[in-house]
Amino acid sequence: MKIRIMLLLFHVIVPSVLLAQYLPLTGGTLSGPLTAPSVNAVLNAASCGDSTPPSWCSGTDIGAWVNAAYAELPSTGGEIDIPPSTSLPSPTTCYSQANPIVFGVEHKPVILKGQGNGPTCLKYITGSGTAVTINTGAQSKTNVVEDLILAGPGVTTSAIGLVIGGSNDNGTVSPHLSRVLIEGFSLGLELGGVNTFMFVGDHVQLNDNEQNFLDSTGQENNRFIDSAFTLDTPGTTGATANSVQISGSSDWTFLGCSFDNVQLAVSSNASVKIFGGHFENPGNTSYDYFTMSGLTLEFFGVMFQQNSSSFSNGRFGTASQGRVNIYGGTAYSVVSLPVFLNVTGSATANNAGLLLDSAFPTGWIGGSTTGGVSAFPSDSSGDATLSGTIQANYIRSTGNLGAAGFLAWGGGVNISSSSSLPQVGTLTTGRAACIKSVGPPVVIGYCSTQPNSSGACSCN
């Protein structure tokens, strides 16, 4: 009877995960991390490093072990766990990864999970290739990577941190990254394949990669939530230009994200919406915070902050095509800037409430575009200034037209309000009107000679 009670207590107290390690009922000790090779069809890749590894293991590094675990999973996919490489609470040591991890069986999704107070860290030591690839096809909809650090061999290599999507079905549907840090690669994260869409990245950090993020093939309905794109030491660990690059026919939403010392580049037919969050240059670098040559780029309540007294860029962003819409938000700079946004080409820009500080004495926009410009009140004073250098196909404003209280139209006519049209010269009544110049701007004058049969005259 006594023996039966002891066995019953053992069964209740000891979790089933420990039973997979064949603990003795009497005698012996247990020390070190618990690395059960398989629990409920969840494989532990680190168990391949045990003295008695599972039969499915192969290779000598964490990359090979994860690949072996993936091969062992059933055709419907499954979960692979990697515990931290050192004991909590200070998991400071990374697994050394020489072999690229490839999840490449079509329709075989995977959940790759790190563990710990500080996430599991994989240090990719190969100077080329991709540390982790997820290429399981558009019909596999449960690919997840969470609680993991991917550390690269350095930005001067050609190594890539994580690629999602590829040749299988031309992409992957609904991939999800959660609490993932990728740093120290030539390229941190790339989405590939035209069928890769409905991506969600929450609490993702792409930090100190030569290029943090690239989406070049065109995906739809993708989003980052509460994520950060940063260069801690710009100029030495990576490049600022095109650090977050979105092109193709992509559709992206950023919710509460931060862009520090990185440039957002939108091109081709891409559409991007940014809600909240901020753009900042804590590294005191000079660059365009955003460049726009795509379809639409919209900011909703975003803060733009410029901290460098030597900032020489003269603006926060540029647009050469497509439409830039700004709804609310603030812009601050420690030095005076000619404009917030410079437009060229066919770009159209609309400002509905961007609050500028005194660093922008001439208004929020400048440049020359065949598109149009609209400005509406940005604060309680009704100020929606336009730079006096702007040239556009149309200009609308319900606030002030310029820092001097008027808008210079083509350099010839100053329009000070919607009800006034200041004259270039003295008008004379009773004269035949004529067009002196087709412009732009168009100049209307009067005939000083009698019009001939074709209607021509000397036009003053």
Protein backbone atom coordinates (compact mmCIF):
# COMPACT_ATOMS: atom_id res chain seq x y z
CA MET A 1 0.00 0.00 0.00
CA LYS A 2 2.84 2.38 0.80
CA ILE A 3 4.49 1.80 -2.56
CA ARG A 4 1.24 2.51 -4.41
CA ILE A 5 0.84 5.88 -2.64
CA MET A 6 4.39 6.97 -3.47
CA LEU A 7 3.91 6.19 -7.15
CA LEU A 8 0.64 8.09 -7.19
CA LEU A 9 2.29 11.20 -5.68
CA PHE A 10 5.08 10.98 -8.18
CA HIS A 11 2.61 10.92 -11.04
CA VAL A 12 0.77 13.99 -9.73
CA ILE A 13 3.75 16.16 -8.89
CA VAL A 14 6.14 15.53 -11.76
CA PRO A 15 5.03 17.10 -15.07
CA SER A 16 4.75 14.83 -18.07
CA VAL A 17 7.55 16.75 -19.78
CA LEU A 18 10.00 15.28 -17.26
CA LEU A 19 8.86 11.73 -17.78
CA ALA A 20 10.33 11.78 -21.29
CA GLN A 21 13.80 11.92 -19.67
CA TYR A 22 13.42 8.50 -18.00
CA LEU A 23 13.98 9.63 -14.43
CA PRO A 24 14.76 6.85 -11.95
CA LEU A 25 12.14 6.06 -9.34
CA THR A 26 14.85 5.71 -6.70
CA GLY A 27 18.30 7.16 -6.45
CA GLY A 28 20.16 9.39 -8.89
CA THR A 29 20.11 13.16 -9.31
CA LEU A 30 18.88 15.55 -11.99
CA SER A 31 20.75 18.77 -12.83
CA GLY A 32 20.95 21.30 -15.66
CA PRO A 33 18.28 22.42 -18.12
CA LEU A 34 15.48 19.97 -18.88
CA THR A 35 15.56 19.20 -22.61
CA ALA A 36 12.89 16.64 -23.36
CA PRO A 37 13.27 15.67 -27.03
CA SER A 38 9.54 15.43 -27.76
CA VAL A 39 6.39 16.28 -25.83
CA ASN A 40 2.95 16.05 -27.44
CA ALA A 41 4.51 16.12 -30.94
CA VAL A 42 6.49 19.29 -30.10
CA LEU A 43 10.17 18.72 -30.86
CA ASN A 44 13.02 20.25 -28.89
CA ALA A 45 15.91 20.96 -31.26
CA ALA A 46 18.35 21.51 -28.39
CA SER A 47 17.91 17.91 -27.28
CA CYS A 48 20.20 16.98 -30.17
CA GLY A 49 23.04 18.35 -28.07
CA ASP A 50 22.38 15.90 -25.23
CA SER A 51 24.63 12.96 -24.53
CA THR A 52 21.86 10.64 -25.72
CA PRO A 53 20.13 12.61 -28.50
CA PRO A 54 16.92 11.44 -30.19
CA SER A 55 17.32 9.18 -33.20
CA TRP A 56 16.05 11.85 -35.61
CA CYS A 57 18.92 14.25 -34.82
CA SER A 58 21.75 14.98 -37.24
CA GLY A 59 24.51 17.56 -37.53
CA THR A 60 26.57 19.38 -34.96
CA ASP A 61 25.02 22.86 -34.68
CA ILE A 62 21.62 24.37 -33.89
CA GLY A 63 20.90 25.00 -37.58
CA ALA A 64 21.30 21.34 -38.47
CA TRP A 65 19.32 20.30 -35.39
CA VAL A 66 16.36 22.50 -36.29
CA ASN A 67 16.42 21.18 -39.86
CA ALA A 68 16.41 17.62 -38.51
CA ALA A 69 13.48 18.42 -36.24
CA TYR A 70 11.56 19.90 -39.17
CA ALA A 71 12.19 16.74 -41.20
CA GLU A 72 10.85 14.66 -38.29
CA LEU A 73 7.58 16.60 -38.05
CA PRO A 74 4.55 15.07 -39.78
CA SER A 75 3.52 16.27 -43.23
CA THR A 76 1.01 18.65 -41.63
CA GLY A 77 3.80 20.50 -39.84
CA GLY A 78 4.25 21.19 -36.16
CA GLU A 79 6.23 23.05 -33.51
CA ILE A 80 9.97 23.23 -32.84
CA ASP A 81 11.14 24.68 -29.53
CA ILE A 82 14.60 25.98 -28.68
CA PRO A 83 15.27 26.75 -24.98
CA PRO A 84 17.89 29.39 -24.11
CA SER A 85 21.46 28.23 -24.39
CA THR A 86 22.20 29.21 -20.79
CA SER A 87 20.17 29.09 -17.60
CA LEU A 88 17.81 31.88 -16.61
CA PRO A 89 17.72 34.66 -15.64
CA SER A 90 20.71 35.70 -17.78
CA PRO A 91 20.58 33.96 -21.16
CA THR A 92 23.54 35.84 -22.60
CA THR A 93 25.04 33.10 -24.74
CA CYS A 94 23.84 32.43 -28.29
CA TYR A 95 23.75 29.10 -30.03
CA SER A 96 26.36 29.06 -32.79
CA GLN A 97 24.61 28.52 -36.11
CA ALA A 98 26.69 27.61 -39.16
CA ASN A 99 23.98 25.82 -41.17
CA PRO A 100 21.06 27.84 -42.60
CA ILE A 101 17.66 26.82 -41.27
CA VAL A 102 15.25 26.05 -44.13
CA PHE A 103 11.56 25.31 -43.77
CA GLY A 104 10.97 24.50 -47.42
CA VAL A 105 8.42 21.70 -47.74
CA GLU A 106 5.31 22.91 -49.51
CA HIS A 107 2.21 22.92 -47.29
CA LYS A 108 4.23 21.91 -44.21
CA PRO A 109 4.04 24.93 -41.86
CA VAL A 110 6.12 25.36 -38.74
CA ILE A 111 6.03 27.15 -35.41
CA LEU A 112 9.56 28.05 -34.27
CA LYS A 113 9.64 29.12 -30.64
CA GLY A 114 12.38 30.37 -28.42
CA GLN A 115 11.97 30.47 -24.66
CA GLY A 116 13.10 32.36 -21.64
CA ASN A 117 13.19 35.66 -19.82
CA GLY A 118 15.43 36.92 -22.57
CA PRO A 119 14.59 35.13 -25.82
CA THR A 120 16.63 32.28 -27.22
CA CYS A 121 19.51 33.61 -29.35
CA LEU A 122 20.88 32.08 -32.55
CA LYS A 123 24.22 33.51 -33.75
CA TYR A 124 24.61 32.98 -37.49
CA ILE A 125 28.34 32.73 -38.17
CA THR A 126 28.29 32.20 -41.95
CA GLY A 127 29.05 35.28 -44.04
CA SER A 128 26.53 34.49 -46.78
CA GLY A 129 23.18 32.83 -47.26
CA THR A 130 20.08 33.21 -45.08
CA ALA A 131 19.92 32.27 -41.40
CA VAL A 132 16.23 31.25 -41.49
CA THR A 133 13.99 30.71 -44.54
CA ILE A 134 10.24 30.03 -44.41
CA ASN A 135 9.10 28.85 -47.84
CA THR A 136 6.17 26.54 -47.17
CA GLY A 137 3.71 27.85 -49.75
CA ALA A 138 0.61 30.01 -49.84
CA GLN A 139 -1.62 27.23 -48.49
CA SER A 140 0.31 26.86 -45.22
CA LYS A 141 -1.17 29.42 -42.87
CA THR A 142 0.31 28.81 -39.43
CA ASN A 143 3.98 29.78 -39.81
CA VAL A 144 5.07 31.48 -36.59
CA VAL A 145 8.41 32.65 -35.18
CA GLU A 146 8.40 34.00 -31.63
CA ASP A 147 10.64 34.79 -28.66
CA LEU A 148 13.82 34.58 -30.69
CA ILE A 149 16.95 36.64 -31.37
CA LEU A 150 18.66 36.23 -34.73
CA ALA A 151 22.16 37.72 -34.53
CA GLY A 152 24.15 38.11 -37.73
CA PRO A 153 27.84 37.95 -38.65
CA GLY A 154 28.00 41.68 -39.48
CA VAL A 155 26.63 44.20 -41.95
CA THR A 156 29.66 43.98 -44.24
CA THR A 157 28.75 40.38 -45.10
CA SER A 158 26.01 39.32 -47.53
CA ALA A 159 24.11 37.31 -44.92
CA ILE A 160 20.33 37.73 -44.54
CA GLY A 161 18.51 37.18 -41.25
CA LEU A 162 15.03 35.92 -42.18
CA VAL A 163 13.28 35.42 -45.54
CA ILE A 164 9.55 34.67 -45.61
CA GLY A 165 8.03 33.42 -48.87
CA GLY A 166 9.63 32.14 -52.03
CA SER A 167 9.14 29.73 -54.92
CA ASN A 168 6.63 27.38 -53.25
CA ASP A 169 3.21 28.76 -54.32
CA ASN A 170 5.06 32.06 -54.81
CA GLY A 171 4.68 32.95 -51.15
CA THR A 172 3.35 32.23 -47.68
CA VAL A 173 0.01 33.33 -46.21
CA SER A 174 -0.40 34.76 -42.68
CA PRO A 175 3.16 34.48 -41.37
CA HIS A 176 3.49 35.86 -37.84
CA LEU A 177 6.53 37.20 -35.98
CA SER A 178 6.19 37.98 -32.30
CA ARG A 179 8.87 39.29 -29.93
CA VAL A 180 11.65 38.75 -32.46
CA LEU A 181 14.91 40.71 -32.69
CA ILE A 182 17.01 40.58 -35.86
CA GLU A 183 20.33 42.44 -35.93
CA GLY A 184 23.77 42.44 -37.50
CA PHE A 185 22.91 41.26 -41.03
CA SER A 186 23.30 42.76 -44.47
CA LEU A 187 19.49 42.47 -44.70
CA GLY A 188 17.42 41.80 -41.62
CA LEU A 189 14.00 40.69 -42.88
CA GLU A 190 12.75 40.12 -46.43
CA LEU A 191 9.29 39.18 -47.66
CA GLY A 192 9.35 37.38 -50.98
CA GLY A 193 6.83 35.85 -53.36
CA VAL A 194 3.78 37.59 -54.76
CA ASN A 195 1.50 35.37 -52.66
CA THR A 196 3.04 36.31 -49.33
CA PHE A 197 0.43 38.43 -47.61
CA MET A 198 -1.44 38.98 -44.32
CA PHE A 199 1.92 39.20 -42.55
CA VAL A 200 1.79 40.35 -38.92
CA GLY A 201 4.83 41.41 -36.94
CA ASP A 202 4.22 42.47 -33.33
CA HIS A 203 6.95 43.70 -31.02
CA VAL A 204 9.55 43.05 -33.71
CA GLN A 205 12.91 44.83 -33.56
CA LEU A 206 14.95 45.20 -36.74
CA ASN A 207 18.12 46.80 -35.49
CA ASP A 208 21.54 47.64 -36.93
CA ASN A 209 21.20 45.77 -40.20
CA GLU A 210 22.65 47.30 -43.37
CA GLN A 211 19.04 47.23 -44.58
CA ASN A 212 16.46 46.45 -41.92
CA PHE A 213 13.47 45.45 -44.03
CA LEU A 214 12.71 44.77 -47.71
CA ASP A 215 9.41 44.02 -49.41
CA SER A 216 10.03 44.16 -53.14
CA THR A 217 7.56 41.69 -54.66
CA GLY A 218 4.21 43.16 -53.71
CA GLN A 219 2.06 41.77 -50.91
CA GLU A 220 -1.25 42.96 -49.48
CA ASN A 221 -2.81 43.43 -46.05
CA ASN A 222 0.43 43.36 -44.05
CA ARG A 223 1.15 45.10 -40.78
CA PHE A 224 3.74 45.81 -38.10
CA ILE A 225 2.44 46.51 -34.59
CA ASP A 226 4.44 48.17 -31.78
CA SER A 227 7.68 47.43 -33.62
CA ALA A 228 10.97 49.30 -33.99
CA PHE A 229 13.30 49.93 -36.92
CA THR A 230 16.56 51.37 -35.68
CA LEU A 231 20.22 52.04 -36.29
CA ASP A 232 21.90 52.57 -32.95
CA THR A 233 25.19 53.70 -34.49
CA PRO A 234 24.46 54.94 -38.04
CA GLY A 235 27.38 55.39 -40.37
CA THR A 236 29.37 52.58 -38.78
CA THR A 237 26.99 49.63 -38.47
CA GLY A 238 24.78 50.19 -41.47
CA ALA A 239 23.18 52.51 -43.99
CA THR A 240 20.31 54.89 -43.32
CA ALA A 241 19.00 55.19 -46.90
CA ASN A 242 16.28 52.67 -47.88
CA SER A 243 16.54 51.02 -44.47
CA VAL A 244 12.83 50.18 -44.57
CA GLN A 245 12.01 49.64 -48.25
CA ILE A 246 8.50 48.88 -49.54
CA SER A 247 7.78 48.56 -53.24
CA GLY A 248 5.91 46.33 -55.67
CA SER A 249 2.15 46.54 -55.20
CA SER A 250 2.45 46.19 -51.45
CA ASP A 251 -0.15 47.28 -48.92
CA TRP A 252 1.27 48.00 -45.46
CA THR A 253 0.05 49.39 -42.14
CA PHE A 254 2.35 50.42 -39.27
CA LEU A 255 0.69 50.80 -35.86
CA GLY A 256 2.63 52.52 -33.07
CA CYS A 257 6.03 51.89 -34.64
CA SER A 258 9.28 53.84 -34.26
CA PHE A 259 11.75 54.72 -37.01
CA ASP A 260 15.07 55.85 -35.48
CA ASN A 261 17.95 56.81 -37.76
CA VAL A 262 16.31 54.90 -40.61
CA GLN A 263 14.68 55.98 -43.84
CA LEU A 264 11.29 54.73 -45.00
CA ALA A 265 11.36 54.37 -48.81
CA VAL A 266 8.03 53.78 -50.60
CA SER A 267 8.12 53.15 -54.35
CA SER A 268 6.41 51.52 -57.33
CA ASN A 269 2.68 50.96 -56.60
CA ALA A 270 3.04 50.50 -52.86
CA SER A 271 0.54 51.96 -50.38
CA VAL A 272 1.57 52.63 -46.77
CA LYS A 273 -0.40 53.89 -43.77
CA ILE A 274 1.32 54.87 -40.51
CA PHE A 275 -0.75 55.36 -37.35
CA GLY A 276 0.98 56.97 -34.39
CA GLY A 277 4.59 56.25 -33.55
CA HIS A 278 7.46 58.53 -34.46
CA PHE A 279 10.41 59.29 -36.73
CA GLU A 280 13.57 60.50 -35.02
CA ASN A 281 17.32 60.82 -35.53
CA PRO A 282 18.89 60.15 -32.12
CA GLY A 283 22.18 59.53 -33.91
CA ASN A 284 22.21 63.16 -35.13
CA THR A 285 22.36 62.15 -38.78
CA SER A 286 21.09 64.13 -41.79
CA TYR A 287 18.79 62.30 -44.17
CA ASP A 288 15.24 62.23 -45.55
CA TYR A 289 13.08 60.50 -42.96
CA PHE A 290 10.88 59.27 -45.81
CA THR A 291 11.00 59.21 -49.61
CA MET A 292 7.87 58.69 -51.67
CA SER A 293 7.64 57.49 -55.27
CA GLY A 294 4.84 54.97 -54.75
CA LEU A 295 1.05 55.14 -54.80
CA THR A 296 0.05 56.54 -51.40
CA LEU A 297 1.83 57.36 -48.14
CA GLU A 298 -0.40 58.46 -45.26
CA PHE A 299 0.52 59.64 -41.77
CA PHE A 300 -2.05 59.70 -38.95
CA GLY A 301 -0.95 61.47 -35.76
CA VAL A 302 2.76 60.76 -36.29
CA MET A 303 5.50 62.69 -34.44
CA PHE A 304 8.54 63.84 -36.42
CA GLN A 305 11.50 64.88 -34.28
CA GLN A 306 14.87 66.23 -35.41
CA ASN A 307 17.52 66.45 -32.68
CA SER A 308 20.72 67.49 -34.44
CA SER A 309 22.05 71.05 -34.43
CA SER A 310 24.05 70.15 -37.57
CA PHE A 311 21.07 68.74 -39.50
CA SER A 312 21.68 69.84 -43.11
CA ASN A 313 18.96 68.02 -45.01
CA GLY A 314 16.59 71.00 -45.03
CA ARG A 315 13.39 68.90 -44.81
CA PHE A 316 11.89 65.77 -43.33
CA GLY A 317 10.86 64.07 -46.55
CA THR A 318 10.55 64.10 -50.34
CA ALA A 319 7.87 62.98 -52.79
CA SER A 320 8.31 62.60 -56.55
CA GLN A 321 5.09 60.74 -57.42
CA GLY A 322 1.93 59.45 -55.81
CA ARG A 323 0.11 61.09 -52.94
CA VAL A 324 1.29 62.06 -49.46
CA ASN A 325 -1.52 62.67 -46.96
CA ILE A 326 -0.82 64.01 -43.48
CA TYR A 327 -3.54 63.98 -40.84
CA GLY A 328 -2.57 65.62 -37.58
CA GLY A 329 0.73 64.92 -35.93
CA THR A 330 3.62 67.20 -34.97
CA ALA A 331 6.99 68.19 -36.42
CA TYR A 332 9.86 69.51 -34.30
CA SER A 333 13.42 70.49 -35.13
CA VAL A 334 16.22 72.08 -33.09
CA VAL A 335 17.35 73.99 -36.21
CA SER A 336 15.36 75.96 -38.78
CA LEU A 337 14.22 73.99 -41.82
CA PRO A 338 13.00 75.55 -45.09
CA VAL A 339 10.13 73.07 -45.45
CA PHE A 340 8.72 69.87 -43.97
CA LEU A 341 8.15 68.20 -47.36
CA ASN A 342 9.67 68.81 -50.79
CA VAL A 343 7.61 67.76 -53.81
CA THR A 344 8.80 67.14 -57.36
CA GLY A 345 7.61 65.27 -60.44
CA SER A 346 3.89 64.46 -60.31
CA ALA A 347 3.54 64.12 -56.54
CA THR A 348 0.43 65.39 -54.74
CA ALA A 349 0.51 66.42 -51.08
CA ASN A 350 -2.28 67.12 -48.59
CA ASN A 351 -1.86 68.50 -45.09
CA ALA A 352 -4.83 68.26 -42.73
CA GLY A 353 -3.62 69.38 -39.35
CA LEU A 354 0.14 68.84 -39.11
CA LEU A 355 1.34 71.05 -36.26
CA LEU A 356 4.71 72.64 -37.04
CA ASP A 357 6.91 74.37 -34.51
CA SER A 358 8.79 77.62 -35.15
CA ALA A 359 11.57 75.76 -36.99
CA PHE A 360 9.53 76.00 -40.21
CA PRO A 361 9.23 79.77 -40.87
CA THR A 362 8.20 79.48 -44.52
CA GLY A 363 5.58 76.75 -44.20
CA TRP A 364 5.29 73.03 -44.60
CA ILE A 365 5.92 72.41 -48.29
CA GLY A 366 8.16 73.46 -51.15
CA GLY A 367 9.24 72.37 -54.59
CA SER A 368 7.64 72.09 -58.01
CA THR A 369 5.14 69.43 -59.07
CA THR A 370 2.65 68.76 -61.84
CA GLY A 371 0.40 67.35 -59.10
CA GLY A 372 -1.47 69.42 -56.54
CA VAL A 373 -1.16 70.71 -53.00
CA SER A 374 -3.85 71.11 -50.33
CA ALA A 375 -3.39 72.61 -46.88
CA PHE A 376 -5.91 72.94 -44.08
CA PRO A 377 -5.65 74.43 -40.58
CA SER A 378 -2.90 72.81 -38.53
CA ASP A 379 -3.59 74.49 -35.19
CA SER A 380 -6.04 76.78 -33.40
CA SER A 381 -4.81 79.85 -35.30
CA GLY A 382 -5.93 78.34 -38.59
CA ASP A 383 -2.37 78.35 -39.92
CA ALA A 384 -1.87 76.12 -42.95
CA THR A 385 1.02 77.87 -44.61
CA LEU A 386 2.46 77.06 -47.98
CA SER A 387 6.04 77.85 -48.90
CA GLY A 388 6.38 80.70 -51.37
CA THR A 389 8.46 78.48 -53.65
CA ILE A 390 5.78 75.88 -54.33
CA GLN A 391 4.62 75.32 -57.90
CA ALA A 392 1.72 72.97 -58.50
CA ASN A 393 -1.13 72.18 -60.87
CA TYR A 394 -3.57 73.29 -58.17
CA ILE A 395 -3.26 74.74 -54.67
CA ARG A 396 -5.99 74.75 -52.03
CA SER A 397 -5.80 76.27 -48.58
CA THR A 398 -8.27 77.27 -45.87
CA GLY A 399 -5.56 78.85 -43.76
CA ASN A 400 -2.80 81.35 -44.46
CA LEU A 401 -1.39 81.22 -47.95
CA GLY A 402 2.16 82.01 -46.99
CA ALA A 403 4.48 83.37 -44.34
CA ALA A 404 4.10 86.88 -45.79
CA GLY A 405 0.31 86.61 -45.98
CA PHE A 406 0.09 85.97 -49.70
CA LEU A 407 0.89 83.36 -52.33
CA ALA A 408 3.16 84.31 -55.21
CA TRP A 409 1.45 82.90 -58.29
CA GLY A 410 4.13 82.17 -60.84
CA GLY A 411 6.11 85.13 -59.56
CA GLY A 412 3.72 87.57 -61.21
CA VAL A 413 0.53 87.86 -59.17
CA ASN A 414 0.27 87.83 -55.39
CA ILE A 415 -3.03 86.38 -54.17
CA SER A 416 -3.57 87.53 -50.61
CA SER A 417 -7.06 86.08 -50.16
CA SER A 418 -9.70 84.19 -52.07
CA SER A 419 -11.52 87.45 -52.89
CA SER A 420 -8.61 89.51 -54.15
CA LEU A 421 -6.56 89.43 -57.32
CA PRO A 422 -3.82 92.10 -57.14
CA GLN A 423 -3.09 93.75 -60.48
CA VAL A 424 0.21 93.58 -62.28
CA GLY A 425 -0.45 96.88 -64.12
CA THR A 426 -3.09 99.61 -64.41
CA LEU A 427 -6.27 98.51 -66.13
CA THR A 428 -7.95 100.80 -68.67
CA THR A 429 -11.67 100.61 -69.36
CA GLY A 430 -13.15 100.48 -72.81
CA ARG A 431 -10.27 98.51 -74.32
CA ALA A 432 -10.32 95.15 -76.07
CA ALA A 433 -8.87 92.41 -73.87
CA CYS A 434 -6.07 90.19 -75.11
CA ILE A 435 -3.81 87.44 -73.84
CA LYS A 436 -0.30 88.80 -73.47
CA SER A 437 1.25 85.53 -72.30
CA VAL A 438 0.01 81.95 -72.11
CA GLY A 439 2.40 81.35 -69.23
CA PRO A 440 2.28 79.86 -66.88
CA PRO A 441 1.14 82.19 -65.54
CA VAL A 442 -1.43 83.45 -68.05
CA VAL A 443 -1.21 87.27 -68.36
CA ILE A 444 -4.29 89.20 -69.60
CA GLY A 445 -3.77 92.64 -71.11
CA TYR A 446 -5.52 95.06 -73.50
CA CYS A 447 -5.06 95.92 -77.19
CA SER A 448 -3.26 99.18 -77.95
CA THR A 449 -3.88 98.72 -81.68
CA GLN A 450 -6.96 97.74 -83.61
CA PRO A 451 -7.26 93.95 -83.89
CA ASN A 452 -6.82 92.66 -87.43
CA SER A 453 -9.01 90.11 -89.19
CA SER A 454 -7.35 87.25 -87.30
CA GLY A 455 -7.87 88.97 -83.92
CA ALA A 456 -4.22 89.88 -83.39
CA CYS A 457 -3.21 93.20 -81.84
CA SER A 458 -0.41 94.81 -79.88
CA CYS A 459 -1.16 93.54 -76.39
CA ASN A 460 -0.13 95.64 -73.34
